[in-house]
Amino acid sequence: MTKQILIQSSEIQICLGSSCFSRGNREVVQLIRDYLKKNHLDDKVMLRGARCMDRCSDGPFLIINGKTFVQIGVQDIEKLLEKELAEPGKRP
């Protein structure tokens, strides 16, 4: 089954503060980059890092198109990206 990936542009903000970074966002950033490249989304998704988003106890912390996700681990990221970056009406 092929995934229907988004057409319009999206934005991912990821906290790179020391707490989130040490809890796994270092690896999550690389997984996001790899996912975007593999799915040819580099030019459709803006990936931005932030110094600290003041949610340290919720980390790792990221925002996709305005939706907040907390305690995201490397095991969760691909499924989350597939869900959040799918075309509207084509979400799993």
PDB file of N, CA and C in Angstrom:
ATOM      1  N   MET A   1       0.845  -1.172   0.000  1.00  0.00           N
ATOM      2  CA  MET A   1       0.000   0.000   0.000  1.00  0.00           C
ATOM      3  C   MET A   1       0.889   1.234   0.000  1.00  0.00           C
ATOM      4  N   THR A   2       0.675   2.140  -0.934  1.00  0.00           N
ATOM      5  CA  THR A   2       1.467   3.361  -0.977  1.00  0.00           C
ATOM      6  C   THR A   2       0.795   4.439  -0.168  1.00  0.00           C
ATOM      7  N   LYS A   3       1.600   5.251   0.439  1.00  0.00           N
ATOM      8  CA  LYS A   3       1.093   6.356   1.249  1.00  0.00           C
ATOM      9  C   LYS A   3       0.879   7.567   0.362  1.00  0.00           C
ATOM     10  N   GLN A   4      -0.179   8.294   0.611  1.00  0.00           N
ATOM     11  CA  GLN A   4      -0.427   9.554  -0.082  1.00  0.00           C
ATOM     12  C   GLN A   4       0.164  10.661   0.780  1.00  0.00           C
ATOM     13  N   ILE A   5       1.224  11.269   0.290  1.00  0.00           N
ATOM     14  CA  ILE A   5       1.913  12.298   1.048  1.00  0.00           C
ATOM     15  C   ILE A   5       1.422  13.680   0.602  1.00  0.00           C
ATOM     16  N   LEU A   6       1.508  14.622   1.491  1.00  0.00           N
ATOM     17  CA  LEU A   6       0.901  15.918   1.296  1.00  0.00           C
ATOM     18  C   LEU A   6       1.331  16.652   0.036  1.00  0.00           C
ATOM     19  N   ILE A   7       0.459  17.530  -0.409  1.00  0.00           N
ATOM     20  CA  ILE A   7       0.732  18.373  -1.565  1.00  0.00           C
ATOM     21  C   ILE A   7       1.099  19.784  -1.101  1.00  0.00           C
ATOM     22  N   GLN A   8       0.321  20.372  -0.181  1.00  0.00           N
ATOM     23  CA  GLN A   8       0.609  21.717   0.285  1.00  0.00           C
ATOM     24  C   GLN A   8       1.815  21.691   1.225  1.00  0.00           C
ATOM     25  N   SER A   9       2.362  22.858   1.519  1.00  0.00           N
ATOM     26  CA  SER A   9       3.539  22.904   2.372  1.00  0.00           C
ATOM     27  C   SER A   9       3.146  22.745   3.843  1.00  0.00           C
ATOM     28  N   SER A  10       4.088  22.265   4.623  1.00  0.00           N
ATOM     29  CA  SER A  10       3.895  22.034   6.051  1.00  0.00           C
ATOM     30  C   SER A  10       5.099  22.564   6.804  1.00  0.00           C
ATOM     31  N   GLU A  11       4.935  22.649   8.120  1.00  0.00           N
ATOM     32  CA  GLU A  11       6.034  23.098   8.966  1.00  0.00           C
ATOM     33  C   GLU A  11       6.166  22.186  10.175  1.00  0.00           C
ATOM     34  N   ILE A  12       7.403  21.838  10.470  1.00  0.00           N
ATOM     35  CA  ILE A  12       7.725  21.070  11.666  1.00  0.00           C
ATOM     36  C   ILE A  12       8.687  21.913  12.483  1.00  0.00           C
ATOM     37  N   GLN A  13       8.341  22.144  13.745  1.00  0.00           N
ATOM     38  CA  GLN A  13       9.231  22.832  14.677  1.00  0.00           C
ATOM     39  C   GLN A  13       9.637  21.804  15.724  1.00  0.00           C
ATOM     40  N   ILE A  14      10.922  21.740  15.998  1.00  0.00           N
ATOM     41  CA  ILE A  14      11.410  20.766  16.965  1.00  0.00           C
ATOM     42  C   ILE A  14      12.292  21.468  17.991  1.00  0.00           C
ATOM     43  N   CYS A  15      12.053  21.136  19.240  1.00  0.00           N
ATOM     44  CA  CYS A  15      12.825  21.745  20.319  1.00  0.00           C
ATOM     45  C   CYS A  15      14.222  21.124  20.355  1.00  0.00           C
ATOM     46  N   LEU A  16      15.226  21.993  20.355  1.00  0.00           N
ATOM     47  CA  LEU A  16      16.606  21.537  20.451  1.00  0.00           C
ATOM     48  C   LEU A  16      17.257  22.042  21.737  1.00  0.00           C
ATOM     49  N   GLY A  17      16.405  22.390  22.702  1.00  0.00           N
ATOM     50  CA  GLY A  17      16.921  22.755  24.019  1.00  0.00           C
ATOM     51  C   GLY A  17      17.640  21.560  24.629  1.00  0.00           C
ATOM     52  N   SER A  18      18.477  21.792  25.603  1.00  0.00           N
ATOM     53  CA  SER A  18      19.328  20.716  26.137  1.00  0.00           C
ATOM     54  C   SER A  18      18.528  19.540  26.687  1.00  0.00           C
ATOM     55  N   SER A  19      17.391  19.796  27.318  1.00  0.00           N
ATOM     56  CA  SER A  19      16.591  18.705  27.877  1.00  0.00           C
ATOM     57  C   SER A  19      16.014  17.823  26.772  1.00  0.00           C
ATOM     58  N   CYS A  20      15.351  18.430  25.798  1.00  0.00           N
ATOM     59  CA  CYS A  20      14.763  17.648  24.693  1.00  0.00           C
ATOM     60  C   CYS A  20      15.856  16.992  23.853  1.00  0.00           C
ATOM     61  N   PHE A  21      16.933  17.731  23.631  1.00  0.00           N
ATOM     62  CA  PHE A  21      18.031  17.199  22.818  1.00  0.00           C
ATOM     63  C   PHE A  21      18.607  15.942  23.465  1.00  0.00           C
ATOM     64  N   SER A  22      18.808  15.983  24.785  1.00  0.00           N
ATOM     65  CA  SER A  22      19.377  14.824  25.472  1.00  0.00           C
ATOM     66  C   SER A  22      18.373  13.684  25.616  1.00  0.00           C
ATOM     67  N   ARG A  23      17.080  13.988  25.530  1.00  0.00           N
ATOM     68  CA  ARG A  23      16.045  12.952  25.639  1.00  0.00           C
ATOM     69  C   ARG A  23      15.720  12.287  24.302  1.00  0.00           C
ATOM     70  N   GLY A  24      16.375  12.710  23.236  1.00  0.00           N
ATOM     71  CA  GLY A  24      16.170  12.002  21.979  1.00  0.00           C
ATOM     72  C   GLY A  24      15.916  12.842  20.749  1.00  0.00           C
ATOM     73  N   ASN A  25      15.729  14.157  20.904  1.00  0.00           N
ATOM     74  CA  ASN A  25      15.445  14.951  19.719  1.00  0.00           C
ATOM     75  C   ASN A  25      16.629  15.026  18.759  1.00  0.00           C
ATOM     76  N   ARG A  26      17.823  14.728  19.223  1.00  0.00           N
ATOM     77  CA  ARG A  26      18.971  14.668  18.309  1.00  0.00           C
ATOM     78  C   ARG A  26      18.706  13.607  17.250  1.00  0.00           C
ATOM     79  N   GLU A  27      18.292  12.428  17.674  1.00  0.00           N
ATOM     80  CA  GLU A  27      18.006  11.341  16.742  1.00  0.00           C
ATOM     81  C   GLU A  27      16.738  11.616  15.937  1.00  0.00           C
ATOM     82  N   VAL A  28      15.734  12.220  16.595  1.00  0.00           N
ATOM     83  CA  VAL A  28      14.472  12.523  15.917  1.00  0.00           C
ATOM     84  C   VAL A  28      14.714  13.488  14.755  1.00  0.00           C
ATOM     85  N   VAL A  29      15.562  14.493  14.938  1.00  0.00           N
ATOM     86  CA  VAL A  29      15.875  15.441  13.860  1.00  0.00           C
ATOM     87  C   VAL A  29      16.415  14.687  12.651  1.00  0.00           C
ATOM     88  N   GLN A  30      17.342  13.782  12.869  1.00  0.00           N
ATOM     89  CA  GLN A  30      17.926  13.035  11.750  1.00  0.00           C
ATOM     90  C   GLN A  30      16.889  12.141  11.084  1.00  0.00           C
ATOM     91  N   LEU A  31      16.036  11.511  11.877  1.00  0.00           N
ATOM     92  CA  LEU A  31      14.986  10.670  11.300  1.00  0.00           C
ATOM     93  C   LEU A  31      14.009  11.492  10.458  1.00  0.00           C
ATOM     94  N   ILE A  32      13.675  12.696  10.915  1.00  0.00           N
ATOM     95  CA  ILE A  32      12.795  13.567  10.143  1.00  0.00           C
ATOM     96  C   ILE A  32      13.471  13.939   8.828  1.00  0.00           C
ATOM     97  N   ARG A  33      14.715  14.344   8.889  1.00  0.00           N
ATOM     98  CA  ARG A  33      15.447  14.703   7.659  1.00  0.00           C
ATOM     99  C   ARG A  33      15.468  13.529   6.683  1.00  0.00           C
ATOM    100  N   ASP A  34      15.779  12.347   7.186  1.00  0.00           N
ATOM    101  CA  ASP A  34      15.815  11.153   6.329  1.00  0.00           C
ATOM    102  C   ASP A  34      14.446  10.867   5.722  1.00  0.00           C
ATOM    103  N   TYR A  35      13.387  10.994   6.523  1.00  0.00           N
ATOM    104  CA  TYR A  35      12.027  10.745   6.049  1.00  0.00           C
ATOM    105  C   TYR A  35      11.650  11.727   4.944  1.00  0.00           C
ATOM    106  N   LEU A  36      11.947  13.004   5.158  1.00  0.00           N
ATOM    107  CA  LEU A  36      11.611  14.019   4.161  1.00  0.00           C
ATOM    108  C   LEU A  36      12.351  13.771   2.857  1.00  0.00           C
ATOM    109  N   LYS A  37      13.613  13.405   2.954  1.00  0.00           N
ATOM    110  CA  LYS A  37      14.404  13.128   1.753  1.00  0.00           C
ATOM    111  C   LYS A  37      13.876  11.889   1.031  1.00  0.00           C
ATOM    112  N   LYS A  38      13.625  10.823   1.778  1.00  0.00           N
ATOM    113  CA  LYS A  38      13.150   9.561   1.202  1.00  0.00           C
ATOM    114  C   LYS A  38      11.812   9.743   0.493  1.00  0.00           C
ATOM    115  N   ASN A  39      10.969  10.617   1.003  1.00  0.00           N
ATOM    116  CA  ASN A  39       9.637  10.830   0.446  1.00  0.00           C
ATOM    117  C   ASN A  39       9.546  12.082  -0.431  1.00  0.00           C
ATOM    118  N   HIS A  40      10.700  12.654  -0.782  1.00  0.00           N
ATOM    119  CA  HIS A  40      10.776  13.814  -1.673  1.00  0.00           C
ATOM    120  C   HIS A  40       9.936  14.984  -1.158  1.00  0.00           C
ATOM    121  N   LEU A  41      10.045  15.242   0.136  1.00  0.00           N
ATOM    122  CA  LEU A  41       9.280  16.321   0.772  1.00  0.00           C
ATOM    123  C   LEU A  41      10.163  17.481   1.223  1.00  0.00           C
ATOM    124  N   ASP A  42      11.449  17.432   0.876  1.00  0.00           N
ATOM    125  CA  ASP A  42      12.378  18.472   1.309  1.00  0.00           C
ATOM    126  C   ASP A  42      11.881  19.876   0.970  1.00  0.00           C
ATOM    127  N   ASP A  43      11.276  20.030  -0.200  1.00  0.00           N
ATOM    128  CA  ASP A  43      10.838  21.350  -0.631  1.00  0.00           C
ATOM    129  C   ASP A  43       9.407  21.676  -0.201  1.00  0.00           C
ATOM    130  N   LYS A  44       8.729  20.741   0.438  1.00  0.00           N
ATOM    131  CA  LYS A  44       7.342  20.951   0.853  1.00  0.00           C
ATOM    132  C   LYS A  44       7.184  21.096   2.368  1.00  0.00           C
ATOM    133  N   VAL A  45       8.194  20.697   3.101  1.00  0.00           N
ATOM    134  CA  VAL A  45       8.122  20.740   4.563  1.00  0.00           C
ATOM    135  C   VAL A  45       9.292  21.563   5.102  1.00  0.00           C
ATOM    136  N   MET A  46       8.941  22.593   5.861  1.00  0.00           N
ATOM    137  CA  MET A  46       9.952  23.428   6.510  1.00  0.00           C
ATOM    138  C   MET A  46      10.251  22.823   7.879  1.00  0.00           C
ATOM    139  N   LEU A  47      11.480  22.405   8.089  1.00  0.00           N
ATOM    140  CA  LEU A  47      11.920  21.854   9.374  1.00  0.00           C
ATOM    141  C   LEU A  47      12.731  22.927  10.084  1.00  0.00           C
ATOM    142  N   ARG A  48      12.225  23.348  11.245  1.00  0.00           N
ATOM    143  CA  ARG A  48      12.893  24.404  12.001  1.00  0.00           C
ATOM    144  C   ARG A  48      13.192  23.926  13.411  1.00  0.00           C
ATOM    145  N   GLY A  49      14.368  24.241  13.872  1.00  0.00           N
ATOM    146  CA  GLY A  49      14.742  23.950  15.244  1.00  0.00           C
ATOM    147  C   GLY A  49      14.531  25.177  16.112  1.00  0.00           C
ATOM    148  N   ALA A  50      14.293  24.958  17.380  1.00  0.00           N
ATOM    149  CA  ALA A  50      14.139  26.050  18.335  1.00  0.00           C
ATOM    150  C   ALA A  50      15.064  25.785  19.516  1.00  0.00           C
ATOM    151  N   ARG A  51      15.587  26.838  20.096  1.00  0.00           N
ATOM    152  CA  ARG A  51      16.505  26.676  21.225  1.00  0.00           C
ATOM    153  C   ARG A  51      15.835  25.994  22.400  1.00  0.00           C
ATOM    154  N   CYS A  52      14.728  26.506  22.838  1.00  0.00           N
ATOM    155  CA  CYS A  52      13.968  25.904  23.926  1.00  0.00           C
ATOM    156  C   CYS A  52      12.533  26.385  23.788  1.00  0.00           C
ATOM    157  N   MET A  53      11.595  25.479  23.922  1.00  0.00           N
ATOM    158  CA  MET A  53      10.190  25.820  23.784  1.00  0.00           C
ATOM    159  C   MET A  53       9.489  25.843  25.142  1.00  0.00           C
ATOM    160  N   ASP A  54      10.270  25.851  26.216  1.00  0.00           N
ATOM    161  CA  ASP A  54       9.768  25.946  27.588  1.00  0.00           C
ATOM    162  C   ASP A  54       8.781  24.839  27.960  1.00  0.00           C
ATOM    163  N   ARG A  55       8.999  23.663  27.432  1.00  0.00           N
ATOM    164  CA  ARG A  55       8.164  22.502  27.778  1.00  0.00           C
ATOM    165  C   ARG A  55       9.092  21.337  28.150  1.00  0.00           C
ATOM    166  N   CYS A  56      10.115  21.635  28.885  1.00  0.00           N
ATOM    167  CA  CYS A  56      11.178  20.670  29.183  1.00  0.00           C
ATOM    168  C   CYS A  56      10.658  19.371  29.789  1.00  0.00           C
ATOM    169  N   SER A  57       9.686  19.447  30.674  1.00  0.00           N
ATOM    170  CA  SER A  57       9.181  18.226  31.304  1.00  0.00           C
ATOM    171  C   SER A  57       8.362  17.376  30.348  1.00  0.00           C
ATOM    172  N   ASP A  58       7.973  17.934  29.190  1.00  0.00           N
ATOM    173  CA  ASP A  58       7.197  17.199  28.186  1.00  0.00           C
ATOM    174  C   ASP A  58       8.055  16.630  27.068  1.00  0.00           C
ATOM    175  N   GLY A  59       9.348  16.880  27.105  1.00  0.00           N
ATOM    176  CA  GLY A  59      10.207  16.528  25.978  1.00  0.00           C
ATOM    177  C   GLY A  59      10.407  15.040  25.793  1.00  0.00           C
ATOM    178  N   PRO A  60      10.866  14.657  24.635  1.00  0.00           N
ATOM    179  CA  PRO A  60      11.083  15.454  23.431  1.00  0.00           C
ATOM    180  C   PRO A  60       9.786  16.061  22.908  1.00  0.00           C
ATOM    181  N   PHE A  61       9.910  17.284  22.415  1.00  0.00           N
ATOM    182  CA  PHE A  61       8.763  18.121  22.081  1.00  0.00           C
ATOM    183  C   PHE A  61       8.885  18.590  20.637  1.00  0.00           C
ATOM    184  N   LEU A  62       7.775  18.480  19.866  1.00  0.00           N
ATOM    185  CA  LEU A  62       7.765  19.039  18.531  1.00  0.00           C
ATOM    186  C   LEU A  62       6.364  19.473  18.140  1.00  0.00           C
ATOM    187  N   ILE A  63       6.288  20.338  17.143  1.00  0.00           N
ATOM    188  CA  ILE A  63       5.023  20.860  16.633  1.00  0.00           C
ATOM    189  C   ILE A  63       4.992  20.605  15.131  1.00  0.00           C
ATOM    190  N   ILE A  64       3.903  19.992  14.661  1.00  0.00           N
ATOM    191  CA  ILE A  64       3.720  19.762  13.227  1.00  0.00           C
ATOM    192  C   ILE A  64       2.440  20.479  12.821  1.00  0.00           C
ATOM    193  N   ASN A  65       2.582  21.459  11.946  1.00  0.00           N
ATOM    194  CA  ASN A  65       1.441  22.245  11.458  1.00  0.00           C
ATOM    195  C   ASN A  65       0.553  22.745  12.601  1.00  0.00           C
ATOM    196  N   GLY A  66       1.192  23.221  13.653  1.00  0.00           N
ATOM    197  CA  GLY A  66       0.463  23.794  14.771  1.00  0.00           C
ATOM    198  C   GLY A  66      -0.008  22.799  15.821  1.00  0.00           C
ATOM    199  N   LYS A  67       0.129  21.499  15.574  1.00  0.00           N
ATOM    200  CA  LYS A  67      -0.266  20.477  16.547  1.00  0.00           C
ATOM    201  C   LYS A  67       0.950  20.081  17.372  1.00  0.00           C
ATOM    202  N   THR A  68       0.769  20.057  18.684  1.00  0.00           N
ATOM    203  CA  THR A  68       1.842  19.761  19.617  1.00  0.00           C
ATOM    204  C   THR A  68       1.930  18.268  19.896  1.00  0.00           C
ATOM    205  N   PHE A  69       3.166  17.765  19.921  1.00  0.00           N
ATOM    206  CA  PHE A  69       3.419  16.361  20.248  1.00  0.00           C
ATOM    207  C   PHE A  69       4.506  16.317  21.312  1.00  0.00           C
ATOM    208  N   VAL A  70       4.255  15.545  22.377  1.00  0.00           N
ATOM    209  CA  VAL A  70       5.194  15.459  23.490  1.00  0.00           C
ATOM    210  C   VAL A  70       5.684  14.028  23.644  1.00  0.00           C
ATOM    211  N   GLN A  71       6.860  13.924  24.237  1.00  0.00           N
ATOM    212  CA  GLN A  71       7.492  12.633  24.520  1.00  0.00           C
ATOM    213  C   GLN A  71       7.534  11.742  23.284  1.00  0.00           C
ATOM    214  N   ILE A  72       7.929  12.337  22.160  1.00  0.00           N
ATOM    215  CA  ILE A  72       8.048  11.614  20.897  1.00  0.00           C
ATOM    216  C   ILE A  72       9.409  10.949  20.852  1.00  0.00           C
ATOM    217  N   GLY A  73       9.403   9.653  20.640  1.00  0.00           N
ATOM    218  CA  GLY A  73      10.648   8.907  20.556  1.00  0.00           C
ATOM    219  C   GLY A  73      10.952   8.472  19.139  1.00  0.00           C
ATOM    220  N   VAL A  74      12.149   7.954  18.945  1.00  0.00           N
ATOM    221  CA  VAL A  74      12.562   7.525  17.612  1.00  0.00           C
ATOM    222  C   VAL A  74      11.639   6.444  17.059  1.00  0.00           C
ATOM    223  N   GLN A  75      11.072   5.621  17.939  1.00  0.00           N
ATOM    224  CA  GLN A  75      10.192   4.549  17.489  1.00  0.00           C
ATOM    225  C   GLN A  75       8.850   5.078  16.998  1.00  0.00           C
ATOM    226  N   ASP A  76       8.492   6.311  17.355  1.00  0.00           N
ATOM    227  CA  ASP A  76       7.191   6.891  17.013  1.00  0.00           C
ATOM    228  C   ASP A  76       7.213   7.802  15.792  1.00  0.00           C
ATOM    229  N   ILE A  77       8.372   8.295  15.414  1.00  0.00           N
ATOM    230  CA  ILE A  77       8.431   9.428  14.497  1.00  0.00           C
ATOM    231  C   ILE A  77       7.940   9.106  13.093  1.00  0.00           C
ATOM    232  N   GLU A  78       8.290   7.978  12.520  1.00  0.00           N
ATOM    233  CA  GLU A  78       7.877   7.701  11.145  1.00  0.00           C
ATOM    234  C   GLU A  78       6.357   7.578  11.027  1.00  0.00           C
ATOM    235  N   LYS A  79       5.749   6.863  11.946  1.00  0.00           N
ATOM    236  CA  LYS A  79       4.290   6.721  11.933  1.00  0.00           C
ATOM    237  C   LYS A  79       3.620   8.085  12.110  1.00  0.00           C
ATOM    238  N   LEU A  80       4.160   8.911  13.001  1.00  0.00           N
ATOM    239  CA  LEU A  80       3.612  10.243  13.230  1.00  0.00           C
ATOM    240  C   LEU A  80       3.716  11.097  11.965  1.00  0.00           C
ATOM    241  N   LEU A  81       4.861  11.065  11.297  1.00  0.00           N
ATOM    242  CA  LEU A  81       5.032  11.842  10.070  1.00  0.00           C
ATOM    243  C   LEU A  81       4.089  11.371   8.975  1.00  0.00           C
ATOM    244  N   GLU A  82       3.934  10.071   8.843  1.00  0.00           N
ATOM    245  CA  GLU A  82       3.014   9.543   7.828  1.00  0.00           C
ATOM    246  C   GLU A  82       1.594  10.036   8.081  1.00  0.00           C
ATOM    247  N   LYS A  83       1.199  10.049   9.328  1.00  0.00           N
ATOM    248  CA  LYS A  83      -0.150  10.492   9.678  1.00  0.00           C
ATOM    249  C   LYS A  83      -0.321  11.994   9.476  1.00  0.00           C
ATOM    250  N   GLU A  84       0.614  12.787   9.981  1.00  0.00           N
ATOM    251  CA  GLU A  84       0.464  14.241   9.979  1.00  0.00           C
ATOM    252  C   GLU A  84       0.774  14.887   8.633  1.00  0.00           C
ATOM    253  N   LEU A  85       1.540  14.237   7.789  1.00  0.00           N
ATOM    254  CA  LEU A  85       1.895  14.822   6.501  1.00  0.00           C
ATOM    255  C   LEU A  85       1.089  14.234   5.347  1.00  0.00           C
ATOM    256  N   ALA A  86       0.141  13.374   5.657  1.00  0.00           N
ATOM    257  CA  ALA A  86      -0.706  12.806   4.612  1.00  0.00           C
ATOM    258  C   ALA A  86      -1.658  13.872   4.083  1.00  0.00           C
ATOM    259  N   GLU A  87      -2.075  13.689   2.845  1.00  0.00           N
ATOM    260  CA  GLU A  87      -3.058  14.602   2.254  1.00  0.00           C
ATOM    261  C   GLU A  87      -4.338  14.551   3.068  1.00  0.00           C
ATOM    262  N   PRO A  88      -5.007  15.674   3.233  1.00  0.00           N
ATOM    263  CA  PRO A  88      -6.300  15.654   3.916  1.00  0.00           C
ATOM    264  C   PRO A  88      -7.238  14.673   3.200  1.00  0.00           C
ATOM    265  N   GLY A  89      -7.961  13.902   3.972  1.00  0.00           N
ATOM    266  CA  GLY A  89      -8.863  12.907   3.396  1.00  0.00           C
ATOM    267  C   GLY A  89      -8.185  11.586   3.100  1.00  0.00           C
ATOM    268  N   LYS A  90      -6.858  11.532   3.227  1.00  0.00           N
ATOM    269  CA  LYS A  90      -6.114  10.301   2.956  1.00  0.00           C
ATOM    270  C   LYS A  90      -5.382   9.823   4.197  1.00  0.00           C
ATOM    271  N   ARG A  91      -5.719  10.374   5.330  1.00  0.00           N
ATOM    272  CA  ARG A  91      -5.020  10.010   6.573  1.00  0.00           C
ATOM    273  C   ARG A  91      -5.387   8.612   6.985  1.00  0.00           C
ATOM    274  N   PRO A  92      -4.400   7.877   7.512  1.00  0.00           N
ATOM    275  CA  PRO A  92      -4.674   6.498   7.952  1.00  0.00           C
ATOM    276  C   PRO A  92      -5.648   6.435   9.095  1.00  0.00           C
TER     277      PRO A  92
END
